[in-house]
Amino acid sequence: MSPNLFNRLAAVLVVTTMFMTGADRPARAGEAEKLSMRYDLLVDGLQVFKLRYKVTMTPGRYNATAELDPTGFAGLFVKTRMDMASSGTLR
């Protein structure tokens, strides 16, 4: 898998996961919302990637991290590991 395709796949997975789980909604006043997920991506029943996603949201701010690692058989051919982080303010 080319690095460019790998990067696009990772970005799509992170954004899709965030919106599917409601991580784009702000926390209630005074509360921090935390979300932690792990996905095993399978091809023909074999695990090829592991995706870990964490987000913390407080009123007005968010922090998100995602890690995508090749595992199993894919790990023999794909040597790329992706770590992503984002933080910012919510209006």
N, C-alpha and C. Protein backbone atom coordinates (compact mmCIF):
# COMPACT_ATOMS: atom_id res chain seq x y z
N MET A 1 0.85 -1.17 0.00
CA MET A 1 0.00 0.00 0.00
C MET A 1 0.90 1.23 0.00
N SER A 2 0.62 2.16 -0.89
CA SER A 2 1.45 3.35 -0.98
C SER A 2 1.20 4.26 0.24
N PRO A 3 2.22 5.01 0.66
CA PRO A 3 2.04 5.91 1.81
C PRO A 3 0.91 6.92 1.61
N ASN A 4 0.73 7.42 0.38
CA ASN A 4 -0.33 8.38 0.12
C ASN A 4 -1.70 7.74 0.33
N LEU A 5 -1.90 6.54 -0.15
CA LEU A 5 -3.16 5.84 0.04
C LEU A 5 -3.36 5.53 1.52
N PHE A 6 -2.32 5.13 2.21
CA PHE A 6 -2.37 4.84 3.64
C PHE A 6 -2.81 6.09 4.40
N ASN A 7 -2.25 7.25 4.08
CA ASN A 7 -2.60 8.50 4.75
C ASN A 7 -4.06 8.87 4.51
N ARG A 8 -4.52 8.70 3.30
CA ARG A 8 -5.92 9.00 3.00
C ARG A 8 -6.86 8.07 3.75
N LEU A 9 -6.53 6.80 3.79
CA LEU A 9 -7.35 5.82 4.51
C LEU A 9 -7.43 6.20 5.99
N ALA A 10 -6.31 6.54 6.57
CA ALA A 10 -6.28 6.90 8.00
C ALA A 10 -7.13 8.14 8.26
N ALA A 11 -7.00 9.15 7.42
CA ALA A 11 -7.77 10.38 7.62
C ALA A 11 -9.26 10.12 7.51
N VAL A 12 -9.68 9.33 6.54
CA VAL A 12 -11.09 9.00 6.38
C VAL A 12 -11.61 8.24 7.60
N LEU A 13 -10.84 7.30 8.10
CA LEU A 13 -11.27 6.53 9.27
C LEU A 13 -11.44 7.40 10.50
N VAL A 14 -10.51 8.29 10.73
CA VAL A 14 -10.57 9.15 11.92
C VAL A 14 -11.78 10.08 11.84
N VAL A 15 -11.96 10.74 10.72
CA VAL A 15 -13.08 11.68 10.58
C VAL A 15 -14.41 10.96 10.65
N THR A 16 -14.54 9.83 9.98
CA THR A 16 -15.77 9.06 10.01
C THR A 16 -16.10 8.61 11.42
N THR A 17 -15.11 8.11 12.12
CA THR A 17 -15.32 7.64 13.50
C THR A 17 -15.78 8.79 14.38
N MET A 18 -15.17 9.94 14.25
CA MET A 18 -15.53 11.08 15.08
C MET A 18 -17.00 11.44 14.90
N PHE A 19 -17.47 11.52 13.67
CA PHE A 19 -18.84 11.94 13.44
C PHE A 19 -19.84 10.83 13.74
N MET A 20 -19.48 9.58 13.55
CA MET A 20 -20.39 8.48 13.86
C MET A 20 -20.63 8.35 15.35
N THR A 21 -19.67 8.71 16.17
CA THR A 21 -19.80 8.55 17.62
C THR A 21 -20.28 9.81 18.31
N GLY A 22 -20.47 10.89 17.59
CA GLY A 22 -20.93 12.12 18.20
C GLY A 22 -19.83 12.91 18.86
N ALA A 23 -18.60 12.62 18.57
CA ALA A 23 -17.48 13.33 19.19
C ALA A 23 -17.41 14.77 18.73
N ASP A 24 -18.23 15.15 17.75
CA ASP A 24 -18.23 16.53 17.28
C ASP A 24 -19.18 17.42 18.10
N ARG A 25 -19.94 16.82 19.05
CA ARG A 25 -20.85 17.60 19.88
C ARG A 25 -20.14 18.09 21.13
N PRO A 26 -20.35 19.33 21.53
CA PRO A 26 -19.68 19.85 22.73
C PRO A 26 -20.22 19.23 24.01
N ALA A 27 -19.39 19.22 25.04
CA ALA A 27 -19.78 18.71 26.35
C ALA A 27 -20.74 19.69 27.01
N ARG A 28 -21.51 19.20 28.00
CA ARG A 28 -22.36 20.09 28.78
C ARG A 28 -21.49 20.99 29.65
N ALA A 29 -22.02 22.11 30.04
CA ALA A 29 -21.26 23.09 30.81
C ALA A 29 -20.59 22.45 32.03
N GLY A 30 -19.28 22.66 32.15
CA GLY A 30 -18.54 22.19 33.30
C GLY A 30 -18.12 20.73 33.25
N GLU A 31 -18.49 20.01 32.22
CA GLU A 31 -18.16 18.59 32.13
C GLU A 31 -17.15 18.35 31.01
N ALA A 32 -16.30 17.36 31.24
CA ALA A 32 -15.39 16.90 30.19
C ALA A 32 -15.93 15.57 29.67
N GLU A 33 -16.04 15.45 28.38
CA GLU A 33 -16.44 14.19 27.76
C GLU A 33 -15.20 13.50 27.24
N LYS A 34 -15.09 12.21 27.53
CA LYS A 34 -13.96 11.43 27.04
C LYS A 34 -14.49 10.25 26.26
N LEU A 35 -13.81 9.97 25.17
CA LEU A 35 -14.19 8.87 24.30
C LEU A 35 -12.93 8.13 23.90
N SER A 36 -12.95 6.84 24.03
CA SER A 36 -11.80 6.02 23.65
C SER A 36 -12.32 4.81 22.90
N MET A 37 -11.80 4.59 21.69
CA MET A 37 -12.26 3.48 20.86
C MET A 37 -11.08 2.75 20.26
N ARG A 38 -11.31 1.49 19.96
CA ARG A 38 -10.31 0.69 19.25
C ARG A 38 -11.04 -0.12 18.19
N TYR A 39 -10.50 -0.09 17.00
CA TYR A 39 -11.06 -0.86 15.90
C TYR A 39 -9.99 -1.79 15.34
N ASP A 40 -10.39 -3.00 15.04
CA ASP A 40 -9.54 -3.94 14.32
C ASP A 40 -10.07 -4.01 12.90
N LEU A 41 -9.24 -3.65 11.94
CA LEU A 41 -9.65 -3.65 10.54
C LEU A 41 -9.25 -4.99 9.91
N LEU A 42 -10.24 -5.68 9.37
CA LEU A 42 -10.03 -7.02 8.84
C LEU A 42 -10.19 -7.04 7.33
N VAL A 43 -9.40 -7.87 6.68
CA VAL A 43 -9.54 -8.15 5.25
C VAL A 43 -9.59 -9.67 5.13
N ASP A 44 -10.67 -10.18 4.60
CA ASP A 44 -10.88 -11.63 4.47
C ASP A 44 -10.64 -12.35 5.79
N GLY A 45 -11.11 -11.72 6.89
CA GLY A 45 -11.01 -12.34 8.20
C GLY A 45 -9.67 -12.20 8.89
N LEU A 46 -8.71 -11.57 8.25
CA LEU A 46 -7.39 -11.37 8.85
C LEU A 46 -7.23 -9.92 9.29
N GLN A 47 -6.78 -9.73 10.52
CA GLN A 47 -6.56 -8.39 11.02
C GLN A 47 -5.35 -7.78 10.31
N VAL A 48 -5.55 -6.60 9.71
CA VAL A 48 -4.45 -5.95 8.98
C VAL A 48 -4.06 -4.60 9.59
N PHE A 49 -5.00 -3.94 10.26
CA PHE A 49 -4.70 -2.67 10.92
C PHE A 49 -5.40 -2.60 12.26
N LYS A 50 -4.82 -1.83 13.15
CA LYS A 50 -5.42 -1.55 14.44
C LYS A 50 -5.53 -0.03 14.54
N LEU A 51 -6.72 0.48 14.82
CA LEU A 51 -6.96 1.91 14.95
C LEU A 51 -7.40 2.21 16.37
N ARG A 52 -6.70 3.13 17.02
CA ARG A 52 -7.07 3.59 18.36
C ARG A 52 -7.36 5.09 18.25
N TYR A 53 -8.49 5.49 18.83
CA TYR A 53 -8.93 6.87 18.73
C TYR A 53 -9.37 7.34 20.11
N LYS A 54 -8.89 8.52 20.54
CA LYS A 54 -9.27 9.10 21.82
C LYS A 54 -9.57 10.57 21.62
N VAL A 55 -10.63 11.02 22.27
CA VAL A 55 -10.98 12.44 22.22
C VAL A 55 -11.44 12.88 23.60
N THR A 56 -11.04 14.07 23.99
CA THR A 56 -11.50 14.71 25.22
C THR A 56 -12.03 16.07 24.85
N MET A 57 -13.26 16.35 25.30
CA MET A 57 -13.88 17.63 25.00
C MET A 57 -14.32 18.28 26.30
N THR A 58 -13.97 19.54 26.45
CA THR A 58 -14.44 20.35 27.56
C THR A 58 -15.14 21.55 26.94
N PRO A 59 -15.88 22.30 27.72
CA PRO A 59 -16.55 23.45 27.12
C PRO A 59 -15.54 24.37 26.42
N GLY A 60 -15.69 24.48 25.13
CA GLY A 60 -14.85 25.37 24.36
C GLY A 60 -13.55 24.79 23.82
N ARG A 61 -13.17 23.56 24.20
CA ARG A 61 -11.90 22.99 23.73
C ARG A 61 -12.06 21.49 23.42
N TYR A 62 -11.17 21.00 22.55
CA TYR A 62 -11.12 19.57 22.28
C TYR A 62 -9.66 19.15 22.07
N ASN A 63 -9.38 17.89 22.36
CA ASN A 63 -8.10 17.24 22.06
C ASN A 63 -8.43 15.86 21.51
N ALA A 64 -7.82 15.52 20.40
CA ALA A 64 -8.07 14.21 19.79
C ALA A 64 -6.75 13.60 19.35
N THR A 65 -6.64 12.29 19.52
CA THR A 65 -5.48 11.56 19.02
C THR A 65 -5.96 10.30 18.32
N ALA A 66 -5.20 9.87 17.34
CA ALA A 66 -5.50 8.63 16.63
C ALA A 66 -4.18 7.96 16.29
N GLU A 67 -4.17 6.65 16.39
CA GLU A 67 -3.00 5.85 16.03
C GLU A 67 -3.47 4.73 15.12
N LEU A 68 -2.78 4.55 14.02
CA LEU A 68 -3.09 3.49 13.08
C LEU A 68 -1.82 2.67 12.86
N ASP A 69 -1.90 1.39 13.16
CA ASP A 69 -0.75 0.49 13.05
C ASP A 69 -1.10 -0.72 12.20
N PRO A 70 -0.20 -1.13 11.31
CA PRO A 70 -0.39 -2.40 10.63
C PRO A 70 -0.15 -3.54 11.63
N THR A 71 -0.91 -4.60 11.52
CA THR A 71 -0.76 -5.73 12.42
C THR A 71 -0.80 -7.02 11.61
N GLY A 72 -0.45 -8.09 12.27
CA GLY A 72 -0.53 -9.40 11.64
C GLY A 72 0.26 -9.48 10.35
N PHE A 73 -0.35 -10.11 9.36
CA PHE A 73 0.29 -10.34 8.08
C PHE A 73 0.65 -9.02 7.38
N ALA A 74 -0.22 -8.00 7.52
CA ALA A 74 0.05 -6.70 6.88
C ALA A 74 1.30 -6.06 7.44
N GLY A 75 1.62 -6.34 8.70
CA GLY A 75 2.80 -5.77 9.33
C GLY A 75 4.10 -6.22 8.67
N LEU A 76 4.06 -7.33 7.94
CA LEU A 76 5.24 -7.79 7.22
C LEU A 76 5.54 -6.93 6.00
N PHE A 77 4.49 -6.30 5.44
CA PHE A 77 4.64 -5.56 4.20
C PHE A 77 4.51 -4.05 4.36
N VAL A 78 3.76 -3.61 5.35
CA VAL A 78 3.54 -2.18 5.58
C VAL A 78 4.29 -1.78 6.82
N LYS A 79 5.27 -0.93 6.68
CA LYS A 79 6.10 -0.51 7.82
C LYS A 79 5.73 0.87 8.32
N THR A 80 4.63 1.41 7.85
CA THR A 80 4.22 2.75 8.22
C THR A 80 3.34 2.71 9.45
N ARG A 81 3.63 3.57 10.41
CA ARG A 81 2.79 3.76 11.59
C ARG A 81 2.33 5.21 11.54
N MET A 82 1.07 5.46 11.85
CA MET A 82 0.55 6.81 11.79
C MET A 82 0.05 7.25 13.15
N ASP A 83 0.56 8.36 13.63
CA ASP A 83 0.09 9.00 14.86
C ASP A 83 -0.43 10.38 14.48
N MET A 84 -1.66 10.68 14.87
CA MET A 84 -2.26 11.96 14.53
C MET A 84 -2.77 12.62 15.80
N ALA A 85 -2.70 13.92 15.88
CA ALA A 85 -3.22 14.66 17.02
C ALA A 85 -3.83 15.96 16.52
N SER A 86 -4.87 16.37 17.21
CA SER A 86 -5.52 17.63 16.89
C SER A 86 -6.07 18.23 18.16
N SER A 87 -6.01 19.54 18.26
CA SER A 87 -6.62 20.24 19.40
C SER A 87 -7.07 21.60 18.93
N GLY A 88 -8.02 22.16 19.63
CA GLY A 88 -8.50 23.47 19.23
C GLY A 88 -9.64 23.95 20.09
N THR A 89 -10.26 24.99 19.63
CA THR A 89 -11.38 25.58 20.36
C THR A 89 -12.69 25.31 19.61
N LEU A 90 -13.76 25.26 20.37
CA LEU A 90 -15.10 25.08 19.82
C LEU A 90 -15.88 26.37 20.02
N ARG A 91 -16.59 26.78 19.01
CA ARG A 91 -17.39 28.01 19.10
C ARG A 91 -18.83 27.71 18.95
